Amino acid sequence: MVIPSPSSPKCLIDIYMDPLIKELQNLWHVDVLTSDNAKNEIFTMHAALMWTVNDLSTYGMVSRWSTAGVMVCLVCMEDIHAFYLQNGRKVCYFNYHRQFLPLDHPYHRKKKAVTKNRVERNVAYPRLMGEQIRD
């Protein structure tokens, strides 16, 4: 869906998304019979919104997740360990994202490879698969 407008709808994006969300909820909860022409079968279809294509500011409007400040990481959510730099007050995630490296990667444990002179002991969250995503 493309919203034709000279300016962004900002917090009113839900007005545009509401019909889509209602239709997807209906397709998820109500049994919709459809046919598979390749197998020549009828099956029950469920639909879900898997992704949206947008920039970061639109992601913030659609998901209502903060895209500014410290808690910006879409993977870590509230469990982020970012900090503000002393000069310039910018947010820094420098050491924290070493946890996404494999455990045997040299930078994962090496103190002098990055700043703050510490070893990263956290491991990345496991990726959700199949049924876990739906639950």
N, C-alpha and C. Protein backbone atom coordinates (compact mmCIF):
# COMPACT_ATOMS: atom_id res chain seq x y z
N MET A 1 0.85 -1.16 0.00
CA MET A 1 0.00 0.00 0.00
C MET A 1 0.91 1.23 0.00
N VAL A 2 0.69 2.13 -0.90
CA VAL A 2 1.40 3.40 -0.97
C VAL A 2 0.42 4.49 -0.59
N ILE A 3 0.83 5.35 0.33
CA ILE A 3 -0.05 6.42 0.78
C ILE A 3 0.31 7.68 0.00
N PRO A 4 -0.53 8.07 -0.98
CA PRO A 4 -0.22 9.26 -1.77
C PRO A 4 -0.51 10.52 -0.97
N SER A 5 0.53 11.24 -0.64
CA SER A 5 0.35 12.46 0.14
C SER A 5 1.64 13.26 0.09
N PRO A 6 1.55 14.58 0.06
CA PRO A 6 2.77 15.38 0.07
C PRO A 6 3.47 15.34 1.43
N SER A 7 2.73 14.96 2.49
CA SER A 7 3.35 14.88 3.82
C SER A 7 2.97 13.56 4.47
N SER A 8 3.75 13.15 5.45
CA SER A 8 3.53 11.88 6.14
C SER A 8 2.32 11.96 7.06
N PRO A 9 1.53 10.87 7.14
CA PRO A 9 0.38 10.89 8.04
C PRO A 9 0.75 10.77 9.51
N LYS A 10 2.03 10.57 9.82
CA LYS A 10 2.56 10.45 11.18
C LYS A 10 1.75 9.49 12.03
N CYS A 11 1.16 9.94 13.10
CA CYS A 11 0.48 9.02 14.02
C CYS A 11 -0.88 8.56 13.49
N LEU A 12 -1.32 9.05 12.34
CA LEU A 12 -2.60 8.63 11.77
C LEU A 12 -2.46 7.45 10.82
N ILE A 13 -1.30 6.81 10.81
CA ILE A 13 -1.07 5.69 9.89
C ILE A 13 -2.05 4.55 10.15
N ASP A 14 -2.52 4.42 11.39
CA ASP A 14 -3.45 3.33 11.71
C ASP A 14 -4.77 3.45 10.96
N ILE A 15 -5.14 4.65 10.56
CA ILE A 15 -6.36 4.83 9.77
C ILE A 15 -6.22 4.13 8.42
N TYR A 16 -5.02 4.21 7.83
CA TYR A 16 -4.76 3.56 6.56
C TYR A 16 -4.58 2.04 6.73
N MET A 17 -4.01 1.63 7.85
CA MET A 17 -3.71 0.22 8.08
C MET A 17 -4.91 -0.56 8.61
N ASP A 18 -5.89 0.11 9.20
CA ASP A 18 -7.01 -0.55 9.87
C ASP A 18 -7.76 -1.53 8.96
N PRO A 19 -8.14 -1.17 7.74
CA PRO A 19 -8.84 -2.15 6.88
C PRO A 19 -7.99 -3.39 6.59
N LEU A 20 -6.70 -3.20 6.37
CA LEU A 20 -5.81 -4.33 6.12
C LEU A 20 -5.73 -5.25 7.33
N ILE A 21 -5.56 -4.67 8.51
CA ILE A 21 -5.46 -5.46 9.75
C ILE A 21 -6.74 -6.25 9.99
N LYS A 22 -7.89 -5.61 9.80
CA LYS A 22 -9.17 -6.30 10.01
C LYS A 22 -9.33 -7.47 9.03
N GLU A 23 -8.95 -7.27 7.79
CA GLU A 23 -9.05 -8.34 6.81
C GLU A 23 -8.11 -9.49 7.14
N LEU A 24 -6.88 -9.17 7.57
CA LEU A 24 -5.93 -10.22 7.95
C LEU A 24 -6.40 -10.99 9.18
N GLN A 25 -6.98 -10.28 10.16
CA GLN A 25 -7.52 -10.97 11.33
C GLN A 25 -8.64 -11.91 10.93
N ASN A 26 -9.47 -11.47 10.03
CA ASN A 26 -10.56 -12.31 9.54
C ASN A 26 -10.00 -13.55 8.83
N LEU A 27 -8.99 -13.36 8.00
CA LEU A 27 -8.40 -14.48 7.27
C LEU A 27 -7.64 -15.44 8.19
N TRP A 28 -7.23 -14.97 9.36
CA TRP A 28 -6.52 -15.84 10.30
C TRP A 28 -7.50 -16.65 11.15
N HIS A 29 -8.57 -16.01 11.64
CA HIS A 29 -9.49 -16.65 12.58
C HIS A 29 -10.63 -17.40 11.92
N VAL A 30 -11.03 -17.00 10.74
CA VAL A 30 -12.16 -17.64 10.06
C VAL A 30 -11.61 -18.62 9.03
N ASP A 31 -12.19 -19.81 9.00
CA ASP A 31 -11.75 -20.80 8.01
C ASP A 31 -12.14 -20.35 6.61
N VAL A 32 -11.15 -20.14 5.77
CA VAL A 32 -11.38 -19.74 4.39
C VAL A 32 -10.94 -20.91 3.51
N LEU A 33 -11.88 -21.48 2.80
CA LEU A 33 -11.56 -22.60 1.92
C LEU A 33 -11.07 -22.07 0.58
N THR A 34 -9.99 -22.64 0.11
CA THR A 34 -9.45 -22.27 -1.19
C THR A 34 -8.90 -23.52 -1.86
N SER A 35 -8.55 -23.42 -3.11
CA SER A 35 -8.11 -24.63 -3.82
C SER A 35 -6.64 -24.54 -4.21
N ASP A 36 -6.01 -25.70 -4.22
CA ASP A 36 -4.64 -25.84 -4.69
C ASP A 36 -4.73 -26.54 -6.04
N ASN A 37 -4.53 -25.78 -7.11
CA ASN A 37 -4.67 -26.34 -8.46
C ASN A 37 -3.61 -27.38 -8.78
N ALA A 38 -2.43 -27.25 -8.21
CA ALA A 38 -1.36 -28.20 -8.49
C ALA A 38 -1.69 -29.59 -7.94
N LYS A 39 -2.28 -29.64 -6.73
CA LYS A 39 -2.63 -30.92 -6.10
C LYS A 39 -4.09 -31.29 -6.32
N ASN A 40 -4.85 -30.37 -6.87
CA ASN A 40 -6.28 -30.59 -7.09
C ASN A 40 -7.01 -30.86 -5.77
N GLU A 41 -6.70 -30.05 -4.75
CA GLU A 41 -7.28 -30.22 -3.41
C GLU A 41 -7.87 -28.90 -2.93
N ILE A 42 -8.78 -29.02 -1.97
CA ILE A 42 -9.32 -27.86 -1.28
C ILE A 42 -8.70 -27.86 0.12
N PHE A 43 -8.25 -26.71 0.60
CA PHE A 43 -7.66 -26.64 1.94
C PHE A 43 -8.11 -25.37 2.64
N THR A 44 -7.89 -25.34 3.96
CA THR A 44 -8.23 -24.17 4.77
C THR A 44 -7.03 -23.23 4.78
N MET A 45 -7.25 -22.00 4.40
CA MET A 45 -6.18 -21.01 4.32
C MET A 45 -6.23 -20.08 5.53
N HIS A 46 -5.06 -19.77 6.06
CA HIS A 46 -4.90 -18.74 7.08
C HIS A 46 -3.90 -17.73 6.52
N ALA A 47 -4.11 -16.47 6.79
CA ALA A 47 -3.22 -15.43 6.26
C ALA A 47 -2.59 -14.65 7.40
N ALA A 48 -1.40 -14.17 7.18
CA ALA A 48 -0.69 -13.36 8.18
C ALA A 48 0.17 -12.34 7.45
N LEU A 49 0.38 -11.20 8.07
CA LEU A 49 1.29 -10.18 7.54
C LEU A 49 2.70 -10.57 7.96
N MET A 50 3.54 -10.90 6.99
CA MET A 50 4.87 -11.38 7.31
C MET A 50 5.88 -10.25 7.41
N TRP A 51 5.78 -9.23 6.58
CA TRP A 51 6.70 -8.11 6.65
C TRP A 51 6.10 -6.90 5.96
N THR A 52 6.69 -5.78 6.24
CA THR A 52 6.36 -4.55 5.53
C THR A 52 7.66 -3.98 5.00
N VAL A 53 7.59 -3.26 3.91
CA VAL A 53 8.77 -2.62 3.34
C VAL A 53 8.61 -1.13 3.58
N ASN A 54 9.48 -0.59 4.41
CA ASN A 54 9.40 0.82 4.75
C ASN A 54 10.72 1.28 5.35
N ASP A 55 10.83 2.57 5.53
CA ASP A 55 12.03 3.10 6.17
C ASP A 55 11.85 3.03 7.69
N LEU A 56 12.91 3.39 8.42
CA LEU A 56 12.90 3.25 9.88
C LEU A 56 11.85 4.12 10.55
N SER A 57 11.65 5.33 10.06
CA SER A 57 10.66 6.20 10.70
C SER A 57 9.24 5.65 10.51
N THR A 58 8.96 5.10 9.33
CA THR A 58 7.65 4.48 9.10
C THR A 58 7.49 3.23 9.95
N TYR A 59 8.58 2.47 10.13
CA TYR A 59 8.52 1.30 11.00
C TYR A 59 8.07 1.71 12.40
N GLY A 60 8.59 2.82 12.89
CA GLY A 60 8.19 3.32 14.21
C GLY A 60 6.72 3.65 14.27
N MET A 61 6.19 4.23 13.19
CA MET A 61 4.76 4.58 13.17
C MET A 61 3.89 3.33 13.10
N VAL A 62 4.27 2.36 12.28
CA VAL A 62 3.45 1.16 12.09
C VAL A 62 3.49 0.26 13.32
N SER A 63 4.68 0.06 13.89
CA SER A 63 4.82 -0.88 15.00
C SER A 63 4.66 -0.23 16.37
N ARG A 64 4.72 1.09 16.41
CA ARG A 64 4.69 1.85 17.67
C ARG A 64 5.91 1.55 18.53
N TRP A 65 7.01 1.14 17.90
CA TRP A 65 8.27 0.92 18.61
C TRP A 65 9.13 2.15 18.42
N SER A 66 9.82 2.56 19.46
CA SER A 66 10.65 3.75 19.40
C SER A 66 11.80 3.54 18.42
N THR A 67 11.97 4.47 17.50
CA THR A 67 13.09 4.39 16.57
C THR A 67 14.09 5.51 16.83
N ALA A 68 14.06 6.04 18.03
CA ALA A 68 15.01 7.08 18.43
C ALA A 68 15.43 6.80 19.87
N GLY A 69 16.65 7.17 20.20
CA GLY A 69 17.12 6.97 21.57
C GLY A 69 17.88 5.67 21.72
N VAL A 70 17.87 5.13 22.93
CA VAL A 70 18.69 3.97 23.26
C VAL A 70 18.07 2.66 22.81
N MET A 71 16.76 2.49 22.97
CA MET A 71 16.13 1.19 22.69
C MET A 71 15.66 1.08 21.25
N VAL A 72 16.58 1.22 20.32
CA VAL A 72 16.23 1.21 18.90
C VAL A 72 16.43 -0.16 18.26
N CYS A 73 17.22 -1.03 18.86
CA CYS A 73 17.53 -2.32 18.24
C CYS A 73 16.28 -3.18 18.16
N LEU A 74 15.94 -3.61 16.95
CA LEU A 74 14.72 -4.38 16.72
C LEU A 74 14.87 -5.83 17.14
N VAL A 75 16.08 -6.29 17.36
CA VAL A 75 16.31 -7.66 17.80
C VAL A 75 16.34 -7.74 19.33
N CYS A 76 17.07 -6.83 19.95
CA CYS A 76 17.28 -6.88 21.40
C CYS A 76 16.10 -6.31 22.20
N MET A 77 15.34 -5.43 21.61
CA MET A 77 14.21 -4.77 22.26
C MET A 77 14.64 -4.13 23.58
N GLU A 78 13.99 -4.51 24.70
CA GLU A 78 14.29 -3.87 25.99
C GLU A 78 15.60 -4.33 26.61
N ASP A 79 16.17 -5.42 26.11
CA ASP A 79 17.37 -5.98 26.72
C ASP A 79 18.64 -5.44 26.07
N ILE A 80 18.65 -4.17 25.79
CA ILE A 80 19.79 -3.57 25.10
C ILE A 80 20.72 -2.89 26.11
N HIS A 81 21.99 -2.88 25.80
CA HIS A 81 22.98 -2.28 26.70
C HIS A 81 23.73 -1.16 25.98
N ALA A 82 23.00 -0.29 25.34
CA ALA A 82 23.61 0.85 24.66
C ALA A 82 23.93 1.93 25.69
N PHE A 83 24.77 2.86 25.29
CA PHE A 83 25.11 3.96 26.18
C PHE A 83 25.29 5.22 25.35
N TYR A 84 25.20 6.36 26.02
CA TYR A 84 25.41 7.65 25.36
C TYR A 84 26.88 8.02 25.44
N LEU A 85 27.44 8.48 24.34
CA LEU A 85 28.82 8.96 24.33
C LEU A 85 28.89 10.27 25.11
N GLN A 86 29.99 10.48 25.81
CA GLN A 86 30.12 11.68 26.65
C GLN A 86 30.11 12.96 25.82
N ASN A 87 30.84 12.98 24.73
CA ASN A 87 30.90 14.17 23.89
C ASN A 87 29.96 14.00 22.71
N GLY A 88 28.96 14.82 22.64
CA GLY A 88 28.04 14.76 21.52
C GLY A 88 26.73 14.07 21.85
N ARG A 89 26.68 13.37 22.96
CA ARG A 89 25.46 12.69 23.42
C ARG A 89 24.81 11.82 22.35
N LYS A 90 25.62 11.06 21.64
CA LYS A 90 25.11 10.12 20.64
C LYS A 90 25.00 8.73 21.28
N VAL A 91 24.07 7.93 20.78
CA VAL A 91 23.89 6.57 21.30
C VAL A 91 24.94 5.66 20.67
N CYS A 92 25.54 4.79 21.48
CA CYS A 92 26.58 3.87 20.99
C CYS A 92 26.21 2.44 21.37
N TYR A 93 26.30 1.53 20.40
CA TYR A 93 26.04 0.11 20.61
C TYR A 93 27.32 -0.69 20.37
N PHE A 94 28.46 -0.03 20.41
CA PHE A 94 29.71 -0.60 19.92
C PHE A 94 30.02 -1.97 20.49
N ASN A 95 30.15 -2.09 21.79
CA ASN A 95 30.52 -3.38 22.38
C ASN A 95 29.38 -4.37 22.37
N TYR A 96 28.19 -3.88 22.52
CA TYR A 96 27.05 -4.77 22.74
C TYR A 96 26.81 -5.74 21.59
N HIS A 97 27.00 -5.32 20.37
CA HIS A 97 26.66 -6.18 19.24
C HIS A 97 27.73 -7.22 18.92
N ARG A 98 28.76 -7.30 19.76
CA ARG A 98 29.71 -8.42 19.62
C ARG A 98 29.03 -9.74 19.95
N GLN A 99 27.94 -9.71 20.71
CA GLN A 99 27.26 -10.95 21.08
C GLN A 99 26.71 -11.69 19.86
N PHE A 100 26.53 -10.99 18.74
CA PHE A 100 26.01 -11.63 17.54
C PHE A 100 27.09 -12.36 16.74
N LEU A 101 28.34 -12.20 17.15
CA LEU A 101 29.43 -12.94 16.51
C LEU A 101 29.40 -14.38 17.01
N PRO A 102 29.88 -15.34 16.22
CA PRO A 102 29.96 -16.73 16.71
C PRO A 102 30.86 -16.80 17.95
N LEU A 103 30.59 -17.76 18.83
CA LEU A 103 31.36 -17.87 20.08
C LEU A 103 32.84 -18.08 19.84
N ASP A 104 33.22 -18.70 18.73
CA ASP A 104 34.64 -18.94 18.46
C ASP A 104 35.30 -17.80 17.68
N HIS A 105 34.58 -16.72 17.42
CA HIS A 105 35.15 -15.58 16.71
C HIS A 105 36.16 -14.88 17.61
N PRO A 106 37.34 -14.49 17.09
CA PRO A 106 38.37 -13.88 17.93
C PRO A 106 37.91 -12.58 18.61
N TYR A 107 37.06 -11.80 17.99
CA TYR A 107 36.63 -10.54 18.60
C TYR A 107 35.60 -10.74 19.71
N HIS A 108 35.02 -11.92 19.80
CA HIS A 108 34.00 -12.16 20.82
C HIS A 108 34.60 -12.11 22.22
N ARG A 109 35.80 -12.61 22.40
CA ARG A 109 36.42 -12.68 23.72
C ARG A 109 37.62 -11.74 23.91
N LYS A 110 38.13 -11.17 22.85
CA LYS A 110 39.35 -10.39 22.90
C LYS A 110 39.10 -9.00 23.50
N LYS A 111 39.80 -8.67 24.57
CA LYS A 111 39.60 -7.37 25.22
C LYS A 111 40.12 -6.21 24.38
N LYS A 112 41.23 -6.40 23.71
CA LYS A 112 41.85 -5.29 22.98
C LYS A 112 41.31 -5.11 21.57
N ALA A 113 40.42 -6.00 21.13
CA ALA A 113 39.87 -5.90 19.78
C ALA A 113 38.90 -4.73 19.66
N VAL A 114 38.29 -4.38 20.74
CA VAL A 114 37.33 -3.27 20.76
C VAL A 114 37.54 -2.46 22.03
N THR A 115 36.79 -1.38 22.17
CA THR A 115 36.98 -0.51 23.33
C THR A 115 36.29 -1.06 24.58
N LYS A 116 36.36 -0.32 25.63
CA LYS A 116 35.77 -0.62 26.95
C LYS A 116 36.53 -1.71 27.70
N ASN A 117 37.55 -2.31 27.10
CA ASN A 117 38.43 -3.26 27.77
C ASN A 117 37.66 -4.36 28.51
N ARG A 118 36.72 -4.97 27.83
CA ARG A 118 35.95 -6.04 28.48
C ARG A 118 35.69 -7.18 27.51
N VAL A 119 35.40 -8.33 28.07
CA VAL A 119 35.07 -9.52 27.29
C VAL A 119 33.55 -9.62 27.20
N GLU A 120 33.05 -9.92 26.01
CA GLU A 120 31.59 -10.07 25.82
C GLU A 120 31.19 -11.49 26.18
N ARG A 121 30.34 -11.63 27.19
CA ARG A 121 29.91 -12.96 27.63
C ARG A 121 28.47 -13.28 27.20
N ASN A 122 27.75 -12.29 26.73
CA ASN A 122 26.38 -12.53 26.28
C ASN A 122 26.39 -13.27 24.95
N VAL A 123 25.36 -14.04 24.72
CA VAL A 123 25.18 -14.68 23.42
C VAL A 123 23.89 -14.14 22.81
N ALA A 124 23.81 -14.19 21.52
CA ALA A 124 22.64 -13.66 20.82
C ALA A 124 21.41 -14.50 21.13
N TYR A 125 20.26 -13.87 21.03
CA TYR A 125 19.01 -14.59 21.21
C TYR A 125 18.87 -15.65 20.13
N PRO A 126 18.31 -16.81 20.46
CA PRO A 126 18.10 -17.80 19.41
C PRO A 126 17.02 -17.32 18.45
N ARG A 127 17.17 -17.67 17.19
CA ARG A 127 16.16 -17.28 16.20
C ARG A 127 14.92 -18.12 16.38
N LEU A 128 13.77 -17.48 16.27
CA LEU A 128 12.51 -18.20 16.37
C LEU A 128 12.23 -18.93 15.07
N MET A 129 11.69 -20.12 15.18
CA MET A 129 11.40 -20.93 14.01
C MET A 129 9.94 -21.37 14.02
N GLY A 130 9.36 -21.52 12.85
CA GLY A 130 8.04 -22.09 12.64
C GLY A 130 6.98 -21.74 13.66
N GLU A 131 6.61 -22.73 14.48
CA GLU A 131 5.52 -22.58 15.44
C GLU A 131 5.83 -21.53 16.50
N GLN A 132 7.10 -21.32 16.85
CA GLN A 132 7.46 -20.34 17.87
C GLN A 132 7.07 -18.93 17.45
N ILE A 133 7.16 -18.63 16.18
CA ILE A 133 6.82 -17.30 15.68
C ILE A 133 5.34 -17.04 15.86
N ARG A 134 4.53 -18.03 15.56
CA ARG A 134 3.09 -17.86 15.65
C ARG A 134 2.63 -17.78 17.09
N ASP A 135 3.32 -18.45 18.02
CA ASP A 135 2.93 -18.43 19.43
C ASP A 135 3.34 -17.13 20.01
